[in-house]
Amino acid sequence: MESVILVIHLLIAVGLVGVILIQRSEGGGLGIGGGTMGGMMSTRGTANLLTRTTGILAGCFFATSIVLAIMAGGHSRPTSIIDTLPASPVAPAQPAAPAQPAPPVSQ
């Protein structure tokens, strides 16, 4: 089920990128895309259709993102490093034997 939603999510993402790229630039920041494309729809009708399509695809993208996040979080509950500590305290190692003092150095 998770892989089906993931494939749908990827198709929506590709469609969203495509719809955004075919929209006409209003700002003309680099001076590209200023020509008329022609076609059977008017410029205003095309803009409204693309805007609505972008909104619908964006909503679907967010919905599938939330569903995937919920599905991914259901596999395991969050753990803490404190939960992995042993229940009983570890006994300390035997203390080392006291060091023997070094013999005095004669000159």
PDB file of N, CA and C in Angstrom:
ATOM      1  N   MET A   1       0.824  -1.191   0.000  1.00  0.00           N
ATOM      2  CA  MET A   1       0.000   0.000   0.000  1.00  0.00           C
ATOM      3  C   MET A   1       0.873   1.260   0.000  1.00  0.00           C
ATOM      4  N   GLU A   2       1.957   1.183   0.768  1.00  0.00           N
ATOM      5  CA  GLU A   2       2.849   2.339   0.858  1.00  0.00           C
ATOM      6  C   GLU A   2       3.502   2.640  -0.488  1.00  0.00           C
ATOM      7  N   SER A   3       3.863   1.599  -1.223  1.00  0.00           N
ATOM      8  CA  SER A   3       4.506   1.810  -2.523  1.00  0.00           C
ATOM      9  C   SER A   3       3.528   2.370  -3.548  1.00  0.00           C
ATOM     10  N   VAL A   4       2.254   2.006  -3.453  1.00  0.00           N
ATOM     11  CA  VAL A   4       1.248   2.555  -4.376  1.00  0.00           C
ATOM     12  C   VAL A   4       1.094   4.051  -4.141  1.00  0.00           C
ATOM     13  N   ILE A   5       1.000   4.449  -2.886  1.00  0.00           N
ATOM     14  CA  ILE A   5       0.868   5.881  -2.567  1.00  0.00           C
ATOM     15  C   ILE A   5       2.138   6.630  -2.950  1.00  0.00           C
ATOM     16  N   LEU A   6       3.292   5.987  -2.797  1.00  0.00           N
ATOM     17  CA  LEU A   6       4.547   6.622  -3.181  1.00  0.00           C
ATOM     18  C   LEU A   6       4.606   6.864  -4.691  1.00  0.00           C
ATOM     19  N   VAL A   7       4.148   5.908  -5.492  1.00  0.00           N
ATOM     20  CA  VAL A   7       4.123   6.090  -6.949  1.00  0.00           C
ATOM     21  C   VAL A   7       3.151   7.209  -7.325  1.00  0.00           C
ATOM     22  N   ILE A   8       1.979   7.234  -6.693  1.00  0.00           N
ATOM     23  CA  ILE A   8       1.016   8.318  -6.950  1.00  0.00           C
ATOM     24  C   ILE A   8       1.631   9.663  -6.565  1.00  0.00           C
ATOM     25  N   HIS A   9       2.332   9.694  -5.448  1.00  0.00           N
ATOM     26  CA  HIS A   9       2.987  10.918  -4.975  1.00  0.00           C
ATOM     27  C   HIS A   9       4.017  11.416  -5.990  1.00  0.00           C
ATOM     28  N   LEU A  10       4.808  10.504  -6.527  1.00  0.00           N
ATOM     29  CA  LEU A  10       5.814  10.889  -7.521  1.00  0.00           C
ATOM     30  C   LEU A  10       5.165  11.377  -8.814  1.00  0.00           C
ATOM     31  N   LEU A  11       4.080  10.741  -9.243  1.00  0.00           N
ATOM     32  CA  LEU A  11       3.383  11.196 -10.449  1.00  0.00           C
ATOM     33  C   LEU A  11       2.789  12.587 -10.246  1.00  0.00           C
ATOM     34  N   ILE A  12       2.247  12.838  -9.059  1.00  0.00           N
ATOM     35  CA  ILE A  12       1.713  14.169  -8.759  1.00  0.00           C
ATOM     36  C   ILE A  12       2.837  15.197  -8.770  1.00  0.00           C
ATOM     37  N   ALA A  13       4.000  14.840  -8.216  1.00  0.00           N
ATOM     38  CA  ALA A  13       5.137  15.770  -8.181  1.00  0.00           C
ATOM     39  C   ALA A  13       5.599  16.116  -9.596  1.00  0.00           C
ATOM     40  N   VAL A  14       5.693  15.107 -10.465  1.00  0.00           N
ATOM     41  CA  VAL A  14       6.113  15.363 -11.847  1.00  0.00           C
ATOM     42  C   VAL A  14       5.064  16.214 -12.560  1.00  0.00           C
ATOM     43  N   GLY A  15       3.789  15.908 -12.352  1.00  0.00           N
ATOM     44  CA  GLY A  15       2.725  16.710 -12.954  1.00  0.00           C
ATOM     45  C   GLY A  15       2.738  18.139 -12.457  1.00  0.00           C
ATOM     46  N   LEU A  16       2.996  18.325 -11.180  1.00  0.00           N
ATOM     47  CA  LEU A  16       3.044  19.670 -10.604  1.00  0.00           C
ATOM     48  C   LEU A  16       4.185  20.484 -11.204  1.00  0.00           C
ATOM     49  N   VAL A  17       5.330  19.858 -11.352  1.00  0.00           N
ATOM     50  CA  VAL A  17       6.469  20.549 -11.964  1.00  0.00           C
ATOM     51  C   VAL A  17       6.134  20.926 -13.402  1.00  0.00           C
ATOM     52  N   GLY A  18       5.526  20.001 -14.142  1.00  0.00           N
ATOM     53  CA  GLY A  18       5.159  20.290 -15.533  1.00  0.00           C
ATOM     54  C   GLY A  18       4.160  21.424 -15.653  1.00  0.00           C
ATOM     55  N   VAL A  19       3.132  21.424 -14.810  1.00  0.00           N
ATOM     56  CA  VAL A  19       2.110  22.480 -14.869  1.00  0.00           C
ATOM     57  C   VAL A  19       2.713  23.826 -14.504  1.00  0.00           C
ATOM     58  N   ILE A  20       3.608  23.845 -13.545  1.00  0.00           N
ATOM     59  CA  ILE A  20       4.236  25.110 -13.156  1.00  0.00           C
ATOM     60  C   ILE A  20       5.121  25.632 -14.287  1.00  0.00           C
ATOM     61  N   LEU A  21       5.827  24.729 -14.964  1.00  0.00           N
ATOM     62  CA  LEU A  21       6.738  25.179 -16.012  1.00  0.00           C
ATOM     63  C   LEU A  21       6.017  25.685 -17.263  1.00  0.00           C
ATOM     64  N   ILE A  22       4.812  25.206 -17.535  1.00  0.00           N
ATOM     65  CA  ILE A  22       4.137  25.680 -18.750  1.00  0.00           C
ATOM     66  C   ILE A  22       3.339  26.952 -18.518  1.00  0.00           C
ATOM     67  N   GLN A  23       3.276  27.429 -17.277  1.00  0.00           N
ATOM     68  CA  GLN A  23       2.565  28.676 -17.025  1.00  0.00           C
ATOM     69  C   GLN A  23       3.355  29.849 -17.579  1.00  0.00           C
ATOM     70  N   ARG A  24       2.639  30.848 -18.004  1.00  0.00           N
ATOM     71  CA  ARG A  24       3.265  32.042 -18.565  1.00  0.00           C
ATOM     72  C   ARG A  24       3.831  32.892 -17.443  1.00  0.00           C
ATOM     73  N   SER A  25       5.041  33.364 -17.632  1.00  0.00           N
ATOM     74  CA  SER A  25       5.690  34.197 -16.635  1.00  0.00           C
ATOM     75  C   SER A  25       5.064  35.582 -16.646  1.00  0.00           C
ATOM     76  N   GLU A  26       4.657  36.062 -15.492  1.00  0.00           N
ATOM     77  CA  GLU A  26       4.053  37.396 -15.397  1.00  0.00           C
ATOM     78  C   GLU A  26       5.104  38.467 -15.178  1.00  0.00           C
ATOM     79  N   GLY A  27       6.189  38.118 -14.502  1.00  0.00           N
ATOM     80  CA  GLY A  27       7.186  39.119 -14.179  1.00  0.00           C
ATOM     81  C   GLY A  27       8.143  39.393 -15.320  1.00  0.00           C
ATOM     82  N   GLY A  28       8.424  38.415 -16.141  1.00  0.00           N
ATOM     83  CA  GLY A  28       9.377  38.601 -17.223  1.00  0.00           C
ATOM     84  C   GLY A  28      10.762  38.895 -16.704  1.00  0.00           C
ATOM     85  N   GLY A  29      11.184  38.200 -15.659  1.00  0.00           N
ATOM     86  CA  GLY A  29      12.465  38.471 -15.014  1.00  0.00           C
ATOM     87  C   GLY A  29      13.648  38.356 -15.955  1.00  0.00           C
ATOM     88  N   LEU A  30      13.696  37.345 -16.812  1.00  0.00           N
ATOM     89  CA  LEU A  30      14.811  37.175 -17.722  1.00  0.00           C
ATOM     90  C   LEU A  30      14.441  37.480 -19.174  1.00  0.00           C
ATOM     91  N   GLY A  31      13.211  37.862 -19.377  1.00  0.00           N
ATOM     92  CA  GLY A  31      12.786  38.192 -20.726  1.00  0.00           C
ATOM     93  C   GLY A  31      12.463  36.982 -21.581  1.00  0.00           C
ATOM     94  N   ILE A  32      12.306  35.813 -20.976  1.00  0.00           N
ATOM     95  CA  ILE A  32      11.979  34.628 -21.751  1.00  0.00           C
ATOM     96  C   ILE A  32      10.509  34.285 -21.559  1.00  0.00           C
ATOM     97  N   GLY A  33       9.962  33.597 -22.506  1.00  0.00           N
ATOM     98  CA  GLY A  33       8.579  33.171 -22.412  1.00  0.00           C
ATOM     99  C   GLY A  33       7.585  34.289 -22.644  1.00  0.00           C
ATOM    100  N   GLY A  34       7.965  35.330 -23.308  1.00  0.00           N
ATOM    101  CA  GLY A  34       7.069  36.455 -23.508  1.00  0.00           C
ATOM    102  C   GLY A  34       6.202  36.333 -24.744  1.00  0.00           C
ATOM    103  N   GLY A  35       6.501  35.393 -25.610  1.00  0.00           N
ATOM    104  CA  GLY A  35       5.735  35.276 -26.859  1.00  0.00           C
ATOM    105  C   GLY A  35       4.383  34.640 -26.632  1.00  0.00           C
ATOM    106  N   THR A  36       3.505  34.756 -27.649  1.00  0.00           N
ATOM    107  CA  THR A  36       2.198  34.129 -27.548  1.00  0.00           C
ATOM    108  C   THR A  36       2.306  32.699 -28.025  1.00  0.00           C
ATOM    109  N   MET A  37       1.592  31.824 -27.337  1.00  0.00           N
ATOM    110  CA  MET A  37       1.658  30.423 -27.676  1.00  0.00           C
ATOM    111  C   MET A  37       0.533  30.019 -28.620  1.00  0.00           C
ATOM    112  N   GLY A  38      -0.522  30.770 -28.679  1.00  0.00           N
ATOM    113  CA  GLY A  38      -1.659  30.393 -29.507  1.00  0.00           C
ATOM    114  C   GLY A  38      -2.387  29.217 -28.898  1.00  0.00           C
ATOM    115  N   GLY A  39      -3.309  28.645 -29.632  1.00  0.00           N
ATOM    116  CA  GLY A  39      -4.037  27.498 -29.122  1.00  0.00           C
ATOM    117  C   GLY A  39      -5.515  27.756 -29.149  1.00  0.00           C
ATOM    118  N   MET A  40      -6.276  26.800 -28.624  1.00  0.00           N
ATOM    119  CA  MET A  40      -7.716  26.930 -28.723  1.00  0.00           C
ATOM    120  C   MET A  40      -8.338  27.638 -27.531  1.00  0.00           C
ATOM    121  N   MET A  41      -7.584  27.908 -26.490  1.00  0.00           N
ATOM    122  CA  MET A  41      -8.125  28.618 -25.330  1.00  0.00           C
ATOM    123  C   MET A  41      -7.542  30.020 -25.286  1.00  0.00           C
ATOM    124  N   SER A  42      -8.306  30.925 -24.715  1.00  0.00           N
ATOM    125  CA  SER A  42      -7.788  32.289 -24.577  1.00  0.00           C
ATOM    126  C   SER A  42      -6.725  32.319 -23.488  1.00  0.00           C
ATOM    127  N   THR A  43      -5.991  33.406 -23.425  1.00  0.00           N
ATOM    128  CA  THR A  43      -4.918  33.533 -22.442  1.00  0.00           C
ATOM    129  C   THR A  43      -5.475  33.515 -21.028  1.00  0.00           C
ATOM    130  N   ARG A  44      -6.574  34.215 -20.811  1.00  0.00           N
ATOM    131  CA  ARG A  44      -7.173  34.265 -19.474  1.00  0.00           C
ATOM    132  C   ARG A  44      -7.707  32.889 -19.064  1.00  0.00           C
ATOM    133  N   GLY A  45      -8.357  32.199 -19.985  1.00  0.00           N
ATOM    134  CA  GLY A  45      -8.890  30.868 -19.676  1.00  0.00           C
ATOM    135  C   GLY A  45      -7.790  29.871 -19.385  1.00  0.00           C
ATOM    136  N   THR A  46      -6.697  29.959 -20.126  1.00  0.00           N
ATOM    137  CA  THR A  46      -5.568  29.071 -19.882  1.00  0.00           C
ATOM    138  C   THR A  46      -4.949  29.355 -18.518  1.00  0.00           C
ATOM    139  N   ALA A  47      -4.804  30.627 -18.174  1.00  0.00           N
ATOM    140  CA  ALA A  47      -4.220  30.996 -16.884  1.00  0.00           C
ATOM    141  C   ALA A  47      -5.086  30.489 -15.741  1.00  0.00           C
ATOM    142  N   ASN A  48      -6.412  30.638 -15.871  1.00  0.00           N
ATOM    143  CA  ASN A  48      -7.292  30.154 -14.813  1.00  0.00           C
ATOM    144  C   ASN A  48      -7.226  28.634 -14.689  1.00  0.00           C
ATOM    145  N   LEU A  49      -7.189  27.936 -15.818  1.00  0.00           N
ATOM    146  CA  LEU A  49      -7.111  26.480 -15.800  1.00  0.00           C
ATOM    147  C   LEU A  49      -5.800  26.013 -15.171  1.00  0.00           C
ATOM    148  N   LEU A  50      -4.697  26.630 -15.555  1.00  0.00           N
ATOM    149  CA  LEU A  50      -3.404  26.233 -15.010  1.00  0.00           C
ATOM    150  C   LEU A  50      -3.291  26.570 -13.527  1.00  0.00           C
ATOM    151  N   THR A  51      -3.850  27.694 -13.126  1.00  0.00           N
ATOM    152  CA  THR A  51      -3.825  28.069 -11.717  1.00  0.00           C
ATOM    153  C   THR A  51      -4.637  27.081 -10.885  1.00  0.00           C
ATOM    154  N   ARG A  52      -5.815  26.738 -11.384  1.00  0.00           N
ATOM    155  CA  ARG A  52      -6.661  25.782 -10.671  1.00  0.00           C
ATOM    156  C   ARG A  52      -5.996  24.399 -10.627  1.00  0.00           C
ATOM    157  N   THR A  53      -5.403  23.985 -11.744  1.00  0.00           N
ATOM    158  CA  THR A  53      -4.720  22.693 -11.790  1.00  0.00           C
ATOM    159  C   THR A  53      -3.546  22.664 -10.827  1.00  0.00           C
ATOM    160  N   THR A  54      -2.804  23.761 -10.756  1.00  0.00           N
ATOM    161  CA  THR A  54      -1.681  23.843  -9.822  1.00  0.00           C
ATOM    162  C   THR A  54      -2.157  23.714  -8.382  1.00  0.00           C
ATOM    163  N   GLY A  55      -3.240  24.380  -8.052  1.00  0.00           N
ATOM    164  CA  GLY A  55      -3.786  24.308  -6.694  1.00  0.00           C
ATOM    165  C   GLY A  55      -4.255  22.905  -6.338  1.00  0.00           C
ATOM    166  N   ILE A  56      -4.928  22.252  -7.278  1.00  0.00           N
ATOM    167  CA  ILE A  56      -5.421  20.896  -7.023  1.00  0.00           C
ATOM    168  C   ILE A  56      -4.247  19.927  -6.858  1.00  0.00           C
ATOM    169  N   LEU A  57      -3.260  20.018  -7.748  1.00  0.00           N
ATOM    170  CA  LEU A  57      -2.103  19.135  -7.643  1.00  0.00           C
ATOM    171  C   LEU A  57      -1.313  19.399  -6.364  1.00  0.00           C
ATOM    172  N   ALA A  58      -1.210  20.666  -5.962  1.00  0.00           N
ATOM    173  CA  ALA A  58      -0.499  20.991  -4.720  1.00  0.00           C
ATOM    174  C   ALA A  58      -1.234  20.404  -3.517  1.00  0.00           C
ATOM    175  N   GLY A  59      -2.550  20.497  -3.507  1.00  0.00           N
ATOM    176  CA  GLY A  59      -3.334  19.907  -2.421  1.00  0.00           C
ATOM    177  C   GLY A  59      -3.160  18.394  -2.359  1.00  0.00           C
ATOM    178  N   CYS A  60      -3.184  17.745  -3.530  1.00  0.00           N
ATOM    179  CA  CYS A  60      -2.969  16.296  -3.574  1.00  0.00           C
ATOM    180  C   CYS A  60      -1.558  15.934  -3.116  1.00  0.00           C
ATOM    181  N   PHE A  61      -0.573  16.769  -3.480  1.00  0.00           N
ATOM    182  CA  PHE A  61       0.805  16.530  -3.066  1.00  0.00           C
ATOM    183  C   PHE A  61       0.939  16.588  -1.549  1.00  0.00           C
ATOM    184  N   PHE A  62       0.319  17.602  -0.927  1.00  0.00           N
ATOM    185  CA  PHE A  62       0.376  17.714   0.527  1.00  0.00           C
ATOM    186  C   PHE A  62      -0.343  16.544   1.193  1.00  0.00           C
ATOM    187  N   ALA A  63      -1.483  16.148   0.631  1.00  0.00           N
ATOM    188  CA  ALA A  63      -2.245  15.041   1.217  1.00  0.00           C
ATOM    189  C   ALA A  63      -1.446  13.741   1.164  1.00  0.00           C
ATOM    190  N   THR A  64      -0.833  13.456   0.023  1.00  0.00           N
ATOM    191  CA  THR A  64      -0.049  12.221  -0.063  1.00  0.00           C
ATOM    192  C   THR A  64       1.208  12.302   0.807  1.00  0.00           C
ATOM    193  N   SER A  65       1.765  13.498   0.966  1.00  0.00           N
ATOM    194  CA  SER A  65       2.919  13.655   1.859  1.00  0.00           C
ATOM    195  C   SER A  65       2.541  13.329   3.298  1.00  0.00           C
ATOM    196  N   ILE A  66       1.393  13.813   3.732  1.00  0.00           N
ATOM    197  CA  ILE A  66       0.943  13.547   5.097  1.00  0.00           C
ATOM    198  C   ILE A  66       0.644  12.065   5.292  1.00  0.00           C
ATOM    199  N   VAL A  67      -0.020  11.453   4.302  1.00  0.00           N
ATOM    200  CA  VAL A  67      -0.331  10.024   4.400  1.00  0.00           C
ATOM    201  C   VAL A  67       0.952   9.203   4.453  1.00  0.00           C
ATOM    202  N   LEU A  68       1.935   9.535   3.631  1.00  0.00           N
ATOM    203  CA  LEU A  68       3.203   8.803   3.648  1.00  0.00           C
ATOM    204  C   LEU A  68       3.936   8.990   4.978  1.00  0.00           C
ATOM    205  N   ALA A  69       3.877  10.189   5.541  1.00  0.00           N
ATOM    206  CA  ALA A  69       4.533  10.435   6.830  1.00  0.00           C
ATOM    207  C   ALA A  69       3.861   9.630   7.941  1.00  0.00           C
ATOM    208  N   ILE A  70       2.541   9.546   7.909  1.00  0.00           N
ATOM    209  CA  ILE A  70       1.824   8.770   8.919  1.00  0.00           C
ATOM    210  C   ILE A  70       2.147   7.286   8.769  1.00  0.00           C
ATOM    211  N   MET A  71       2.173   6.811   7.523  1.00  0.00           N
ATOM    212  CA  MET A  71       2.465   5.393   7.292  1.00  0.00           C
ATOM    213  C   MET A  71       3.905   5.054   7.682  1.00  0.00           C
ATOM    214  N   ALA A  72       4.829   5.948   7.452  1.00  0.00           N
ATOM    215  CA  ALA A  72       6.228   5.693   7.797  1.00  0.00           C
ATOM    216  C   ALA A  72       6.438   5.715   9.303  1.00  0.00           C
ATOM    217  N   GLY A  73       5.683   6.513  10.022  1.00  0.00           N
ATOM    218  CA  GLY A  73       5.837   6.603  11.464  1.00  0.00           C
ATOM    219  C   GLY A  73       5.165   5.478  12.216  1.00  0.00           C
ATOM    220  N   GLY A  74       4.321   4.698  11.569  1.00  0.00           N
ATOM    221  CA  GLY A  74       3.600   3.641  12.248  1.00  0.00           C
ATOM    222  C   GLY A  74       4.396   2.374  12.447  1.00  0.00           C
ATOM    223  N   HIS A  75       5.560   2.235  11.825  1.00  0.00           N
ATOM    224  CA  HIS A  75       6.331   1.007  11.921  1.00  0.00           C
ATOM    225  C   HIS A  75       6.996   0.835  13.278  1.00  0.00           C
ATOM    226  N   SER A  76       7.483   1.903  13.850  1.00  0.00           N
ATOM    227  CA  SER A  76       8.151   1.796  15.145  1.00  0.00           C
ATOM    228  C   SER A  76       7.905   3.062  15.935  1.00  0.00           C
ATOM    229  N   ARG A  77       7.834   2.877  17.228  1.00  0.00           N
ATOM    230  CA  ARG A  77       7.652   4.049  18.075  1.00  0.00           C
ATOM    231  C   ARG A  77       9.018   4.663  18.363  1.00  0.00           C
ATOM    232  N   PRO A  78       9.055   5.928  18.666  1.00  0.00           N
ATOM    233  CA  PRO A  78      10.348   6.568  18.937  1.00  0.00           C
ATOM    234  C   PRO A  78      11.011   5.945  20.161  1.00  0.00           C
ATOM    235  N   THR A  79      12.299   5.790  20.090  1.00  0.00           N
ATOM    236  CA  THR A  79      13.043   5.240  21.209  1.00  0.00           C
ATOM    237  C   THR A  79      14.076   6.256  21.673  1.00  0.00           C
ATOM    238  N   SER A  80      14.510   6.032  22.871  1.00  0.00           N
ATOM    239  CA  SER A  80      15.513   6.905  23.454  1.00  0.00           C
ATOM    240  C   SER A  80      16.738   6.077  23.805  1.00  0.00           C
ATOM    241  N   ILE A  81      17.867   6.703  23.871  1.00  0.00           N
ATOM    242  CA  ILE A  81      19.085   5.987  24.258  1.00  0.00           C
ATOM    243  C   ILE A  81      18.987   5.522  25.704  1.00  0.00           C
ATOM    244  N   ILE A  82      18.178   6.203  26.500  1.00  0.00           N
ATOM    245  CA  ILE A  82      17.992   5.805  27.892  1.00  0.00           C
ATOM    246  C   ILE A  82      17.265   4.462  27.958  1.00  0.00           C
ATOM    247  N   ASP A  83      16.358   4.209  27.003  1.00  0.00           N
ATOM    248  CA  ASP A  83      15.641   2.934  26.985  1.00  0.00           C
ATOM    249  C   ASP A  83      16.560   1.761  26.665  1.00  0.00           C
ATOM    250  N   THR A  84      17.698   2.002  26.048  1.00  0.00           N
ATOM    251  CA  THR A  84      18.593   0.912  25.671  1.00  0.00           C
ATOM    252  C   THR A  84      19.613   0.581  26.755  1.00  0.00           C
ATOM    253  N   LEU A  85      19.666   1.345  27.826  1.00  0.00           N
ATOM    254  CA  LEU A  85      20.596   1.063  28.923  1.00  0.00           C
ATOM    255  C   LEU A  85      20.169  -0.203  29.640  1.00  0.00           C
ATOM    256  N   PRO A  86      21.111  -0.961  30.187  1.00  0.00           N
ATOM    257  CA  PRO A  86      20.736  -2.168  30.924  1.00  0.00           C
ATOM    258  C   PRO A  86      19.941  -1.809  32.180  1.00  0.00           C
ATOM    259  N   ALA A  87      19.066  -2.726  32.596  1.00  0.00           N
ATOM    260  CA  ALA A  87      18.198  -2.450  33.739  1.00  0.00           C
ATOM    261  C   ALA A  87      18.978  -2.426  35.049  1.00  0.00           C
ATOM    262  N   SER A  88      19.916  -3.354  35.216  1.00  0.00           N
ATOM    263  CA  SER A  88      20.684  -3.376  36.461  1.00  0.00           C
ATOM    264  C   SER A  88      22.011  -2.670  36.242  1.00  0.00           C
ATOM    265  N   PRO A  89      22.518  -2.009  37.280  1.00  0.00           N
ATOM    266  CA  PRO A  89      23.804  -1.325  37.110  1.00  0.00           C
ATOM    267  C   PRO A  89      24.929  -2.337  36.910  1.00  0.00           C
ATOM    268  N   VAL A  90      25.868  -1.974  36.127  1.00  0.00           N
ATOM    269  CA  VAL A  90      27.006  -2.845  35.841  1.00  0.00           C
ATOM    270  C   VAL A  90      27.958  -2.782  37.030  1.00  0.00           C
ATOM    271  N   ALA A  91      28.402  -3.962  37.498  1.00  0.00           N
ATOM    272  CA  ALA A  91      29.326  -4.003  38.620  1.00  0.00           C
ATOM    273  C   ALA A  91      30.677  -3.464  38.168  1.00  0.00           C
ATOM    274  N   PRO A  92      31.306  -2.653  38.999  1.00  0.00           N
ATOM    275  CA  PRO A  92      32.600  -2.099  38.599  1.00  0.00           C
ATOM    276  C   PRO A  92      33.650  -3.210  38.535  1.00  0.00           C
ATOM    277  N   ALA A  93      34.619  -3.026  37.716  1.00  0.00           N
ATOM    278  CA  ALA A  93      35.708  -3.999  37.590  1.00  0.00           C
ATOM    279  C   ALA A  93      36.510  -4.016  38.883  1.00  0.00           C
ATOM    280  N   GLN A  94      37.258  -5.092  39.113  1.00  0.00           N
ATOM    281  CA  GLN A  94      38.056  -5.185  40.328  1.00  0.00           C
ATOM    282  C   GLN A  94      39.087  -4.073  40.320  1.00  0.00           C
ATOM    283  N   PRO A  95      39.266  -3.448  41.469  1.00  0.00           N
ATOM    284  CA  PRO A  95      40.233  -2.350  41.488  1.00  0.00           C
ATOM    285  C   PRO A  95      41.638  -2.874  41.196  1.00  0.00           C
ATOM    286  N   ALA A  96      42.404  -2.058  40.547  1.00  0.00           N
ATOM    287  CA  ALA A  96      43.775  -2.434  40.204  1.00  0.00           C
ATOM    288  C   ALA A  96      44.624  -2.468  41.475  1.00  0.00           C
ATOM    289  N   ALA A  97      45.619  -3.329  41.450  1.00  0.00           N
ATOM    290  CA  ALA A  97      46.526  -3.415  42.598  1.00  0.00           C
ATOM    291  C   ALA A  97      47.286  -2.105  42.712  1.00  0.00           C
ATOM    292  N   PRO A  98      47.547  -1.675  43.946  1.00  0.00           N
ATOM    293  CA  PRO A  98      48.276  -0.423  44.088  1.00  0.00           C
ATOM    294  C   PRO A  98      49.662  -0.536  43.458  1.00  0.00           C
ATOM    295  N   ALA A  99      50.074   0.500  42.850  1.00  0.00           N
ATOM    296  CA  ALA A  99      51.369   0.504  42.178  1.00  0.00           C
ATOM    297  C   ALA A  99      52.499   0.496  43.207  1.00  0.00           C
ATOM    298  N   GLN A 100      53.565  -0.242  42.890  1.00  0.00           N
ATOM    299  CA  GLN A 100      54.735  -0.283  43.755  1.00  0.00           C
ATOM    300  C   GLN A 100      55.535   0.990  43.563  1.00  0.00           C
ATOM    301  N   PRO A 101      55.976   1.573  44.636  1.00  0.00           N
ATOM    302  CA  PRO A 101      56.778   2.784  44.463  1.00  0.00           C
ATOM    303  C   PRO A 101      58.097   2.451  43.762  1.00  0.00           C
ATOM    304  N   ALA A 102      58.516   3.344  42.933  1.00  0.00           N
ATOM    305  CA  ALA A 102      59.761   3.149  42.183  1.00  0.00           C
ATOM    306  C   ALA A 102      60.947   3.246  43.153  1.00  0.00           C
ATOM    307  N   PRO A 103      61.961   2.426  42.910  1.00  0.00           N
ATOM    308  CA  PRO A 103      63.139   2.516  43.793  1.00  0.00           C
ATOM    309  C   PRO A 103      63.838   3.868  43.607  1.00  0.00           C
ATOM    310  N   PRO A 104      64.432   4.352  44.656  1.00  0.00           N
ATOM    311  CA  PRO A 104      65.106   5.666  44.541  1.00  0.00           C
ATOM    312  C   PRO A 104      66.286   5.570  43.571  1.00  0.00           C
ATOM    313  N   VAL A 105      66.489   6.627  42.891  1.00  0.00           N
ATOM    314  CA  VAL A 105      67.582   6.682  41.900  1.00  0.00           C
ATOM    315  C   VAL A 105      68.793   7.279  42.603  1.00  0.00           C
ATOM    316  N   SER A 106      69.926   6.566  42.524  1.00  0.00           N
ATOM    317  CA  SER A 106      71.140   7.092  43.136  1.00  0.00           C
ATOM    318  C   SER A 106      71.962   7.826  42.096  1.00  0.00           C
ATOM    319  N   GLN A 107      72.639   8.811  42.582  1.00  0.00           N
ATOM    320  CA  GLN A 107      73.442   9.609  41.671  1.00  0.00           C
ATOM    321  C   GLN A 107      74.890   9.403  41.857  1.00  0.00           C
TER     322      GLN A 107
END
